Amino acid sequence: MSVRFTGQHIYVQFVDDVAGRTLAETSTRSKRLTDRAQLKANVPSAQKLGTAAAAAARAQGIQQVVFDRSGARYHGKVKALADAAREAGLQF
């Protein structure tokens, strides 16, 4: 589970490092999210995206992940996203 934050958006990808391909993804720009116009790079949006990311991963049969926070410190948005994904059923 690779997470990337920009000033306006949050991106989450589930990558198979061995095969070198993306298995599932979601972001604040994803058309699958109904409330994407309100989603920004903030803590409440990170919580919603963590839940959506976990659902996308579980739909692909992914239960356990390694959390790559791309060098970001583990607090605020990063922590909110990870906690929401854990609550939605992903194991880190």
PDB file of N, CA and C in Angstrom:
ATOM      1  N   MET A   1       0.855  -1.165   0.000  1.00  0.00           N
ATOM      2  CA  MET A   1       0.000   0.000   0.000  1.00  0.00           C
ATOM      3  C   MET A   1       0.897   1.223   0.000  1.00  0.00           C
ATOM      4  N   SER A   2       0.939   1.884  -1.116  1.00  0.00           N
ATOM      5  CA  SER A   2       1.768   3.069  -1.268  1.00  0.00           C
ATOM      6  C   SER A   2       0.879   4.311  -1.223  1.00  0.00           C
ATOM      7  N   VAL A   3       1.225   5.259  -0.370  1.00  0.00           N
ATOM      8  CA  VAL A   3       0.433   6.468  -0.192  1.00  0.00           C
ATOM      9  C   VAL A   3       1.265   7.681  -0.588  1.00  0.00           C
ATOM     10  N   ARG A   4       0.664   8.579  -1.348  1.00  0.00           N
ATOM     11  CA  ARG A   4       1.338   9.805  -1.782  1.00  0.00           C
ATOM     12  C   ARG A   4       0.396  10.977  -1.565  1.00  0.00           C
ATOM     13  N   PHE A   5       0.912  12.040  -0.973  1.00  0.00           N
ATOM     14  CA  PHE A   5       0.133  13.245  -0.708  1.00  0.00           C
ATOM     15  C   PHE A   5       0.700  14.405  -1.519  1.00  0.00           C
ATOM     16  N   THR A   6      -0.176  15.171  -2.144  1.00  0.00           N
ATOM     17  CA  THR A   6       0.220  16.424  -2.763  1.00  0.00           C
ATOM     18  C   THR A   6      -0.473  17.531  -1.975  1.00  0.00           C
ATOM     19  N   GLY A   7      -0.335  18.741  -2.407  1.00  0.00           N
ATOM     20  CA  GLY A   7      -0.980  19.846  -1.711  1.00  0.00           C
ATOM     21  C   GLY A   7      -2.498  19.796  -1.786  1.00  0.00           C
ATOM     22  N   GLN A   8      -3.047  19.128  -2.815  1.00  0.00           N
ATOM     23  CA  GLN A   8      -4.492  19.109  -3.011  1.00  0.00           C
ATOM     24  C   GLN A   8      -5.119  17.725  -2.990  1.00  0.00           C
ATOM     25  N   HIS A   9      -4.334  16.669  -3.215  1.00  0.00           N
ATOM     26  CA  HIS A   9      -4.914  15.343  -3.378  1.00  0.00           C
ATOM     27  C   HIS A   9      -4.145  14.265  -2.621  1.00  0.00           C
ATOM     28  N   ILE A  10      -4.802  13.120  -2.460  1.00  0.00           N
ATOM     29  CA  ILE A  10      -4.223  11.946  -1.827  1.00  0.00           C
ATOM     30  C   ILE A  10      -4.359  10.789  -2.809  1.00  0.00           C
ATOM     31  N   TYR A  11      -3.286  10.033  -2.990  1.00  0.00           N
ATOM     32  CA  TYR A  11      -3.275   8.898  -3.901  1.00  0.00           C
ATOM     33  C   TYR A  11      -2.852   7.641  -3.139  1.00  0.00           C
ATOM     34  N   VAL A  12      -3.571   6.534  -3.344  1.00  0.00           N
ATOM     35  CA  VAL A  12      -3.254   5.257  -2.712  1.00  0.00           C
ATOM     36  C   VAL A  12      -3.189   4.200  -3.802  1.00  0.00           C
ATOM     37  N   GLN A  13      -2.101   3.413  -3.803  1.00  0.00           N
ATOM     38  CA  GLN A  13      -1.953   2.325  -4.757  1.00  0.00           C
ATOM     39  C   GLN A  13      -1.555   1.050  -4.020  1.00  0.00           C
ATOM     40  N   PHE A  14      -2.062  -0.060  -4.511  1.00  0.00           N
ATOM     41  CA  PHE A  14      -1.665  -1.368  -4.012  1.00  0.00           C
ATOM     42  C   PHE A  14      -0.829  -1.998  -5.116  1.00  0.00           C
ATOM     43  N   VAL A  15       0.472  -2.123  -4.862  1.00  0.00           N
ATOM     44  CA  VAL A  15       1.422  -2.534  -5.885  1.00  0.00           C
ATOM     45  C   VAL A  15       2.005  -3.901  -5.557  1.00  0.00           C
ATOM     46  N   ASP A  16       2.066  -4.758  -6.579  1.00  0.00           N
ATOM     47  CA  ASP A  16       2.767  -6.034  -6.470  1.00  0.00           C
ATOM     48  C   ASP A  16       4.198  -5.775  -6.920  1.00  0.00           C
ATOM     49  N   ASP A  17       5.136  -5.715  -5.976  1.00  0.00           N
ATOM     50  CA  ASP A  17       6.527  -5.391  -6.294  1.00  0.00           C
ATOM     51  C   ASP A  17       7.203  -6.460  -7.138  1.00  0.00           C
ATOM     52  N   VAL A  18       6.828  -7.706  -6.943  1.00  0.00           N
ATOM     53  CA  VAL A  18       7.447  -8.798  -7.691  1.00  0.00           C
ATOM     54  C   VAL A  18       7.046  -8.723  -9.166  1.00  0.00           C
ATOM     55  N   ALA A  19       5.748  -8.566  -9.429  1.00  0.00           N
ATOM     56  CA  ALA A  19       5.255  -8.494 -10.806  1.00  0.00           C
ATOM     57  C   ALA A  19       5.437  -7.107 -11.405  1.00  0.00           C
ATOM     58  N   GLY A  20       5.592  -6.099 -10.542  1.00  0.00           N
ATOM     59  CA  GLY A  20       5.780  -4.732 -11.025  1.00  0.00           C
ATOM     60  C   GLY A  20       4.527  -4.125 -11.608  1.00  0.00           C
ATOM     61  N   ARG A  21       3.374  -4.400 -10.971  1.00  0.00           N
ATOM     62  CA  ARG A  21       2.132  -3.823 -11.481  1.00  0.00           C
ATOM     63  C   ARG A  21       1.220  -3.390 -10.345  1.00  0.00           C
ATOM     64  N   THR A  22       0.335  -2.473 -10.658  1.00  0.00           N
ATOM     65  CA  THR A  22      -0.620  -1.963  -9.689  1.00  0.00           C
ATOM     66  C   THR A  22      -1.847  -2.869  -9.675  1.00  0.00           C
ATOM     67  N   LEU A  23      -2.236  -3.340  -8.491  1.00  0.00           N
ATOM     68  CA  LEU A  23      -3.369  -4.240  -8.354  1.00  0.00           C
ATOM     69  C   LEU A  23      -4.676  -3.495  -8.124  1.00  0.00           C
ATOM     70  N   ALA A  24      -4.604  -2.403  -7.368  1.00  0.00           N
ATOM     71  CA  ALA A  24      -5.786  -1.590  -7.081  1.00  0.00           C
ATOM     72  C   ALA A  24      -5.311  -0.186  -6.748  1.00  0.00           C
ATOM     73  N   GLU A  25      -6.190   0.782  -6.941  1.00  0.00           N
ATOM     74  CA  GLU A  25      -5.834   2.163  -6.630  1.00  0.00           C
ATOM     75  C   GLU A  25      -7.095   2.956  -6.328  1.00  0.00           C
ATOM     76  N   THR A  26      -6.888   4.055  -5.634  1.00  0.00           N
ATOM     77  CA  THR A  26      -7.942   5.035  -5.417  1.00  0.00           C
ATOM     78  C   THR A  26      -7.287   6.362  -5.057  1.00  0.00           C
ATOM     79  N   SER A  27      -8.015   7.423  -5.230  1.00  0.00           N
ATOM     80  CA  SER A  27      -7.491   8.751  -4.897  1.00  0.00           C
ATOM     81  C   SER A  27      -8.652   9.701  -4.678  1.00  0.00           C
ATOM     82  N   THR A  28      -8.323  10.902  -4.241  1.00  0.00           N
ATOM     83  CA  THR A  28      -9.359  11.912  -4.064  1.00  0.00           C
ATOM     84  C   THR A  28      -9.891  12.391  -5.411  1.00  0.00           C
ATOM     85  N   ARG A  29      -9.251  12.005  -6.505  1.00  0.00           N
ATOM     86  CA  ARG A  29      -9.702  12.369  -7.851  1.00  0.00           C
ATOM     87  C   ARG A  29     -10.461  11.239  -8.538  1.00  0.00           C
ATOM     88  N   SER A  30     -10.616  10.108  -7.869  1.00  0.00           N
ATOM     89  CA  SER A  30     -11.239   8.928  -8.460  1.00  0.00           C
ATOM     90  C   SER A  30     -12.711   9.172  -8.778  1.00  0.00           C
ATOM     91  N   LYS A  31     -13.123   8.798  -9.954  1.00  0.00           N
ATOM     92  CA  LYS A  31     -14.514   8.976 -10.371  1.00  0.00           C
ATOM     93  C   LYS A  31     -15.448   7.980  -9.688  1.00  0.00           C
ATOM     94  N   ARG A  32     -14.886   6.938  -9.076  1.00  0.00           N
ATOM     95  CA  ARG A  32     -15.706   5.961  -8.360  1.00  0.00           C
ATOM     96  C   ARG A  32     -16.251   6.513  -7.048  1.00  0.00           C
ATOM     97  N   LEU A  33     -15.624   7.557  -6.513  1.00  0.00           N
ATOM     98  CA  LEU A  33     -16.082   8.148  -5.255  1.00  0.00           C
ATOM     99  C   LEU A  33     -17.150   9.186  -5.554  1.00  0.00           C
ATOM    100  N   THR A  34     -18.295   9.056  -4.902  1.00  0.00           N
ATOM    101  CA  THR A  34     -19.422   9.942  -5.196  1.00  0.00           C
ATOM    102  C   THR A  34     -19.217  11.359  -4.669  1.00  0.00           C
ATOM    103  N   ASP A  35     -18.481  11.505  -3.587  1.00  0.00           N
ATOM    104  CA  ASP A  35     -18.282  12.830  -2.984  1.00  0.00           C
ATOM    105  C   ASP A  35     -16.888  13.390  -3.278  1.00  0.00           C
ATOM    106  N   ARG A  36     -16.322  13.073  -4.432  1.00  0.00           N
ATOM    107  CA  ARG A  36     -14.949  13.478  -4.728  1.00  0.00           C
ATOM    108  C   ARG A  36     -14.770  14.987  -4.831  1.00  0.00           C
ATOM    109  N   ALA A  37     -15.825  15.735  -5.101  1.00  0.00           N
ATOM    110  CA  ALA A  37     -15.708  17.196  -5.195  1.00  0.00           C
ATOM    111  C   ALA A  37     -15.374  17.806  -3.831  1.00  0.00           C
ATOM    112  N   GLN A  38     -15.775  17.143  -2.750  1.00  0.00           N
ATOM    113  CA  GLN A  38     -15.508  17.656  -1.407  1.00  0.00           C
ATOM    114  C   GLN A  38     -14.210  17.128  -0.825  1.00  0.00           C
ATOM    115  N   LEU A  39     -13.599  16.137  -1.446  1.00  0.00           N
ATOM    116  CA  LEU A  39     -12.386  15.535  -0.897  1.00  0.00           C
ATOM    117  C   LEU A  39     -11.154  16.379  -1.205  1.00  0.00           C
ATOM    118  N   LYS A  40     -10.362  16.617  -0.213  1.00  0.00           N
ATOM    119  CA  LYS A  40      -9.127  17.392  -0.324  1.00  0.00           C
ATOM    120  C   LYS A  40      -8.007  16.630   0.375  1.00  0.00           C
ATOM    121  N   ALA A  41      -6.855  17.203   0.483  1.00  0.00           N
ATOM    122  CA  ALA A  41      -5.730  16.572   1.183  1.00  0.00           C
ATOM    123  C   ALA A  41      -5.762  16.990   2.649  1.00  0.00           C
ATOM    124  N   ASN A  42      -6.778  16.489   3.381  1.00  0.00           N
ATOM    125  CA  ASN A  42      -6.898  16.806   4.797  1.00  0.00           C
ATOM    126  C   ASN A  42      -7.287  15.544   5.569  1.00  0.00           C
ATOM    127  N   VAL A  43      -7.369  15.632   6.872  1.00  0.00           N
ATOM    128  CA  VAL A  43      -7.607  14.471   7.723  1.00  0.00           C
ATOM    129  C   VAL A  43      -8.975  13.823   7.465  1.00  0.00           C
ATOM    130  N   PRO A  44     -10.084  14.568   7.409  1.00  0.00           N
ATOM    131  CA  PRO A  44     -11.371  13.905   7.144  1.00  0.00           C
ATOM    132  C   PRO A  44     -11.398  13.174   5.794  1.00  0.00           C
ATOM    133  N   SER A  45     -10.801  13.760   4.792  1.00  0.00           N
ATOM    134  CA  SER A  45     -10.739  13.112   3.478  1.00  0.00           C
ATOM    135  C   SER A  45      -9.838  11.882   3.525  1.00  0.00           C
ATOM    136  N   ALA A  46      -8.764  11.946   4.286  1.00  0.00           N
ATOM    137  CA  ALA A  46      -7.859  10.806   4.423  1.00  0.00           C
ATOM    138  C   ALA A  46      -8.585   9.629   5.072  1.00  0.00           C
ATOM    139  N   GLN A  47      -9.454   9.914   6.034  1.00  0.00           N
ATOM    140  CA  GLN A  47     -10.225   8.846   6.671  1.00  0.00           C
ATOM    141  C   GLN A  47     -11.164   8.185   5.661  1.00  0.00           C
ATOM    142  N   LYS A  48     -11.861   8.992   4.864  1.00  0.00           N
ATOM    143  CA  LYS A  48     -12.771   8.439   3.857  1.00  0.00           C
ATOM    144  C   LYS A  48     -12.003   7.650   2.805  1.00  0.00           C
ATOM    145  N   LEU A  49     -10.857   8.157   2.411  1.00  0.00           N
ATOM    146  CA  LEU A  49     -10.061   7.489   1.393  1.00  0.00           C
ATOM    147  C   LEU A  49      -9.452   6.194   1.928  1.00  0.00           C
ATOM    148  N   GLY A  50      -9.103   6.147   3.192  1.00  0.00           N
ATOM    149  CA  GLY A  50      -8.593   4.920   3.787  1.00  0.00           C
ATOM    150  C   GLY A  50      -9.630   3.811   3.751  1.00  0.00           C
ATOM    151  N   THR A  51     -10.873   4.156   4.028  1.00  0.00           N
ATOM    152  CA  THR A  51     -11.958   3.185   3.958  1.00  0.00           C
ATOM    153  C   THR A  51     -12.187   2.732   2.520  1.00  0.00           C
ATOM    154  N   ALA A  52     -12.182   3.676   1.576  1.00  0.00           N
ATOM    155  CA  ALA A  52     -12.377   3.343   0.164  1.00  0.00           C
ATOM    156  C   ALA A  52     -11.223   2.502  -0.377  1.00  0.00           C
ATOM    157  N   ALA A  53     -10.006   2.810   0.051  1.00  0.00           N
ATOM    158  CA  ALA A  53      -8.837   2.055  -0.396  1.00  0.00           C
ATOM    159  C   ALA A  53      -8.909   0.622   0.110  1.00  0.00           C
ATOM    160  N   ALA A  54      -9.317   0.436   1.342  1.00  0.00           N
ATOM    161  CA  ALA A  54      -9.441  -0.908   1.896  1.00  0.00           C
ATOM    162  C   ALA A  54     -10.503  -1.704   1.141  1.00  0.00           C
ATOM    163  N   ALA A  55     -11.593  -1.059   0.772  1.00  0.00           N
ATOM    164  CA  ALA A  55     -12.641  -1.741   0.009  1.00  0.00           C
ATOM    165  C   ALA A  55     -12.129  -2.143  -1.374  1.00  0.00           C
ATOM    166  N   ALA A  56     -11.364  -1.269  -2.012  1.00  0.00           N
ATOM    167  CA  ALA A  56     -10.801  -1.576  -3.331  1.00  0.00           C
ATOM    168  C   ALA A  56      -9.815  -2.736  -3.239  1.00  0.00           C
ATOM    169  N   ALA A  57      -9.024  -2.765  -2.183  1.00  0.00           N
ATOM    170  CA  ALA A  57      -8.048  -3.843  -1.999  1.00  0.00           C
ATOM    171  C   ALA A  57      -8.745  -5.162  -1.725  1.00  0.00           C
ATOM    172  N   ARG A  58      -9.737  -5.138  -0.876  1.00  0.00           N
ATOM    173  CA  ARG A  58     -10.448  -6.368  -0.538  1.00  0.00           C
ATOM    174  C   ARG A  58     -11.212  -6.912  -1.735  1.00  0.00           C
ATOM    175  N   ALA A  59     -11.657  -6.035  -2.624  1.00  0.00           N
ATOM    176  CA  ALA A  59     -12.328  -6.479  -3.852  1.00  0.00           C
ATOM    177  C   ALA A  59     -11.362  -7.247  -4.757  1.00  0.00           C
ATOM    178  N   GLN A  60     -10.069  -6.956  -4.648  1.00  0.00           N
ATOM    179  CA  GLN A  60      -9.050  -7.651  -5.427  1.00  0.00           C
ATOM    180  C   GLN A  60      -8.449  -8.837  -4.669  1.00  0.00           C
ATOM    181  N   GLY A  61      -8.977  -9.108  -3.480  1.00  0.00           N
ATOM    182  CA  GLY A  61      -8.494 -10.234  -2.695  1.00  0.00           C
ATOM    183  C   GLY A  61      -7.279  -9.923  -1.846  1.00  0.00           C
ATOM    184  N   ILE A  62      -6.982  -8.672  -1.641  1.00  0.00           N
ATOM    185  CA  ILE A  62      -5.829  -8.263  -0.838  1.00  0.00           C
ATOM    186  C   ILE A  62      -6.282  -8.109   0.616  1.00  0.00           C
ATOM    187  N   GLN A  63      -5.657  -8.855   1.514  1.00  0.00           N
ATOM    188  CA  GLN A  63      -5.992  -8.805   2.928  1.00  0.00           C
ATOM    189  C   GLN A  63      -4.887  -8.180   3.765  1.00  0.00           C
ATOM    190  N   GLN A  64      -3.637  -8.404   3.357  1.00  0.00           N
ATOM    191  CA  GLN A  64      -2.492  -7.967   4.146  1.00  0.00           C
ATOM    192  C   GLN A  64      -1.576  -7.121   3.271  1.00  0.00           C
ATOM    193  N   VAL A  65      -1.109  -5.987   3.806  1.00  0.00           N
ATOM    194  CA  VAL A  65      -0.281  -5.064   3.037  1.00  0.00           C
ATOM    195  C   VAL A  65       0.911  -4.602   3.852  1.00  0.00           C
ATOM    196  N   VAL A  66       1.887  -4.051   3.145  1.00  0.00           N
ATOM    197  CA  VAL A  66       2.999  -3.337   3.755  1.00  0.00           C
ATOM    198  C   VAL A  66       2.733  -1.870   3.483  1.00  0.00           C
ATOM    199  N   PHE A  67       2.778  -1.029   4.515  1.00  0.00           N
ATOM    200  CA  PHE A  67       2.413   0.377   4.394  1.00  0.00           C
ATOM    201  C   PHE A  67       3.622   1.218   4.027  1.00  0.00           C
ATOM    202  N   ASP A  68       3.624   1.778   2.821  1.00  0.00           N
ATOM    203  CA  ASP A  68       4.686   2.669   2.354  1.00  0.00           C
ATOM    204  C   ASP A  68       4.137   4.089   2.371  1.00  0.00           C
ATOM    205  N   ARG A  69       4.613   4.890   3.305  1.00  0.00           N
ATOM    206  CA  ARG A  69       4.098   6.254   3.455  1.00  0.00           C
ATOM    207  C   ARG A  69       4.921   7.269   2.678  1.00  0.00           C
ATOM    208  N   SER A  70       5.818   6.813   1.828  1.00  0.00           N
ATOM    209  CA  SER A  70       6.605   7.662   0.921  1.00  0.00           C
ATOM    210  C   SER A  70       7.376   8.747   1.654  1.00  0.00           C
ATOM    211  N   GLY A  71       7.919   8.417   2.799  1.00  0.00           N
ATOM    212  CA  GLY A  71       8.747   9.356   3.534  1.00  0.00           C
ATOM    213  C   GLY A  71       7.996  10.326   4.433  1.00  0.00           C
ATOM    214  N   ALA A  72       6.673  10.298   4.400  1.00  0.00           N
ATOM    215  CA  ALA A  72       5.883  11.210   5.240  1.00  0.00           C
ATOM    216  C   ALA A  72       5.889  10.705   6.681  1.00  0.00           C
ATOM    217  N   ARG A  73       5.877  11.622   7.617  1.00  0.00           N
ATOM    218  CA  ARG A  73       5.834  11.228   9.020  1.00  0.00           C
ATOM    219  C   ARG A  73       4.478  10.637   9.355  1.00  0.00           C
ATOM    220  N   TYR A  74       4.466   9.712  10.307  1.00  0.00           N
ATOM    221  CA  TYR A  74       3.246   8.999  10.663  1.00  0.00           C
ATOM    222  C   TYR A  74       2.454   9.808  11.687  1.00  0.00           C
ATOM    223  N   HIS A  75       1.705  10.781  11.204  1.00  0.00           N
ATOM    224  CA  HIS A  75       0.787  11.568  12.027  1.00  0.00           C
ATOM    225  C   HIS A  75      -0.175  12.283  11.100  1.00  0.00           C
ATOM    226  N   GLY A  76      -1.197  12.866  11.642  1.00  0.00           N
ATOM    227  CA  GLY A  76      -2.149  13.635  10.847  1.00  0.00           C
ATOM    228  C   GLY A  76      -2.832  12.806   9.770  1.00  0.00           C
ATOM    229  N   LYS A  77      -2.695  13.254   8.508  1.00  0.00           N
ATOM    230  CA  LYS A  77      -3.358  12.591   7.377  1.00  0.00           C
ATOM    231  C   LYS A  77      -2.909  11.154   7.198  1.00  0.00           C
ATOM    232  N   VAL A  78      -1.628  10.899   7.372  1.00  0.00           N
ATOM    233  CA  VAL A  78      -1.087   9.555   7.177  1.00  0.00           C
ATOM    234  C   VAL A  78      -1.678   8.604   8.215  1.00  0.00           C
ATOM    235  N   LYS A  79      -1.700   9.023   9.456  1.00  0.00           N
ATOM    236  CA  LYS A  79      -2.241   8.196  10.528  1.00  0.00           C
ATOM    237  C   LYS A  79      -3.740   7.983  10.342  1.00  0.00           C
ATOM    238  N   ALA A  80      -4.466   9.022   9.954  1.00  0.00           N
ATOM    239  CA  ALA A  80      -5.911   8.907   9.750  1.00  0.00           C
ATOM    240  C   ALA A  80      -6.229   7.910   8.636  1.00  0.00           C
ATOM    241  N   LEU A  81      -5.484   7.968   7.539  1.00  0.00           N
ATOM    242  CA  LEU A  81      -5.697   7.055   6.430  1.00  0.00           C
ATOM    243  C   LEU A  81      -5.393   5.613   6.848  1.00  0.00           C
ATOM    244  N   ALA A  82      -4.281   5.404   7.524  1.00  0.00           N
ATOM    245  CA  ALA A  82      -3.896   4.058   7.963  1.00  0.00           C
ATOM    246  C   ALA A  82      -4.896   3.491   8.967  1.00  0.00           C
ATOM    247  N   ASP A  83      -5.327   4.289   9.915  1.00  0.00           N
ATOM    248  CA  ASP A  83      -6.290   3.813  10.912  1.00  0.00           C
ATOM    249  C   ASP A  83      -7.621   3.433  10.261  1.00  0.00           C
ATOM    250  N   ALA A  84      -8.073   4.226   9.305  1.00  0.00           N
ATOM    251  CA  ALA A  84      -9.335   3.925   8.612  1.00  0.00           C
ATOM    252  C   ALA A  84      -9.213   2.645   7.790  1.00  0.00           C
ATOM    253  N   ALA A  85      -8.072   2.442   7.163  1.00  0.00           N
ATOM    254  CA  ALA A  85      -7.866   1.220   6.375  1.00  0.00           C
ATOM    255  C   ALA A  85      -7.830  -0.006   7.290  1.00  0.00           C
ATOM    256  N   ARG A  86      -7.212   0.131   8.454  1.00  0.00           N
ATOM    257  CA  ARG A  86      -7.187  -0.982   9.425  1.00  0.00           C
ATOM    258  C   ARG A  86      -8.599  -1.310   9.902  1.00  0.00           C
ATOM    259  N   GLU A  87      -9.369  -0.272  10.230  1.00  0.00           N
ATOM    260  CA  GLU A  87     -10.738  -0.482  10.704  1.00  0.00           C
ATOM    261  C   GLU A  87     -11.600  -1.135   9.629  1.00  0.00           C
ATOM    262  N   ALA A  88     -11.276  -0.889   8.357  1.00  0.00           N
ATOM    263  CA  ALA A  88     -12.037  -1.465   7.247  1.00  0.00           C
ATOM    264  C   ALA A  88     -11.585  -2.887   6.920  1.00  0.00           C
ATOM    265  N   GLY A  89     -10.590  -3.407   7.622  1.00  0.00           N
ATOM    266  CA  GLY A  89     -10.234  -4.807   7.480  1.00  0.00           C
ATOM    267  C   GLY A  89      -8.866  -5.131   6.926  1.00  0.00           C
ATOM    268  N   LEU A  90      -8.059  -4.144   6.554  1.00  0.00           N
ATOM    269  CA  LEU A  90      -6.712  -4.446   6.061  1.00  0.00           C
ATOM    270  C   LEU A  90      -5.773  -4.718   7.241  1.00  0.00           C
ATOM    271  N   GLN A  91      -4.861  -5.645   7.052  1.00  0.00           N
ATOM    272  CA  GLN A  91      -3.843  -5.947   8.056  1.00  0.00           C
ATOM    273  C   GLN A  91      -2.519  -5.374   7.576  1.00  0.00           C
ATOM    274  N   PHE A  92      -1.859  -4.632   8.442  1.00  0.00           N
ATOM    275  CA  PHE A  92      -0.574  -4.033   8.106  1.00  0.00           C
ATOM    276  C   PHE A  92       0.539  -4.878   8.686  1.00  0.00           C
TER     277      PHE A  92
END
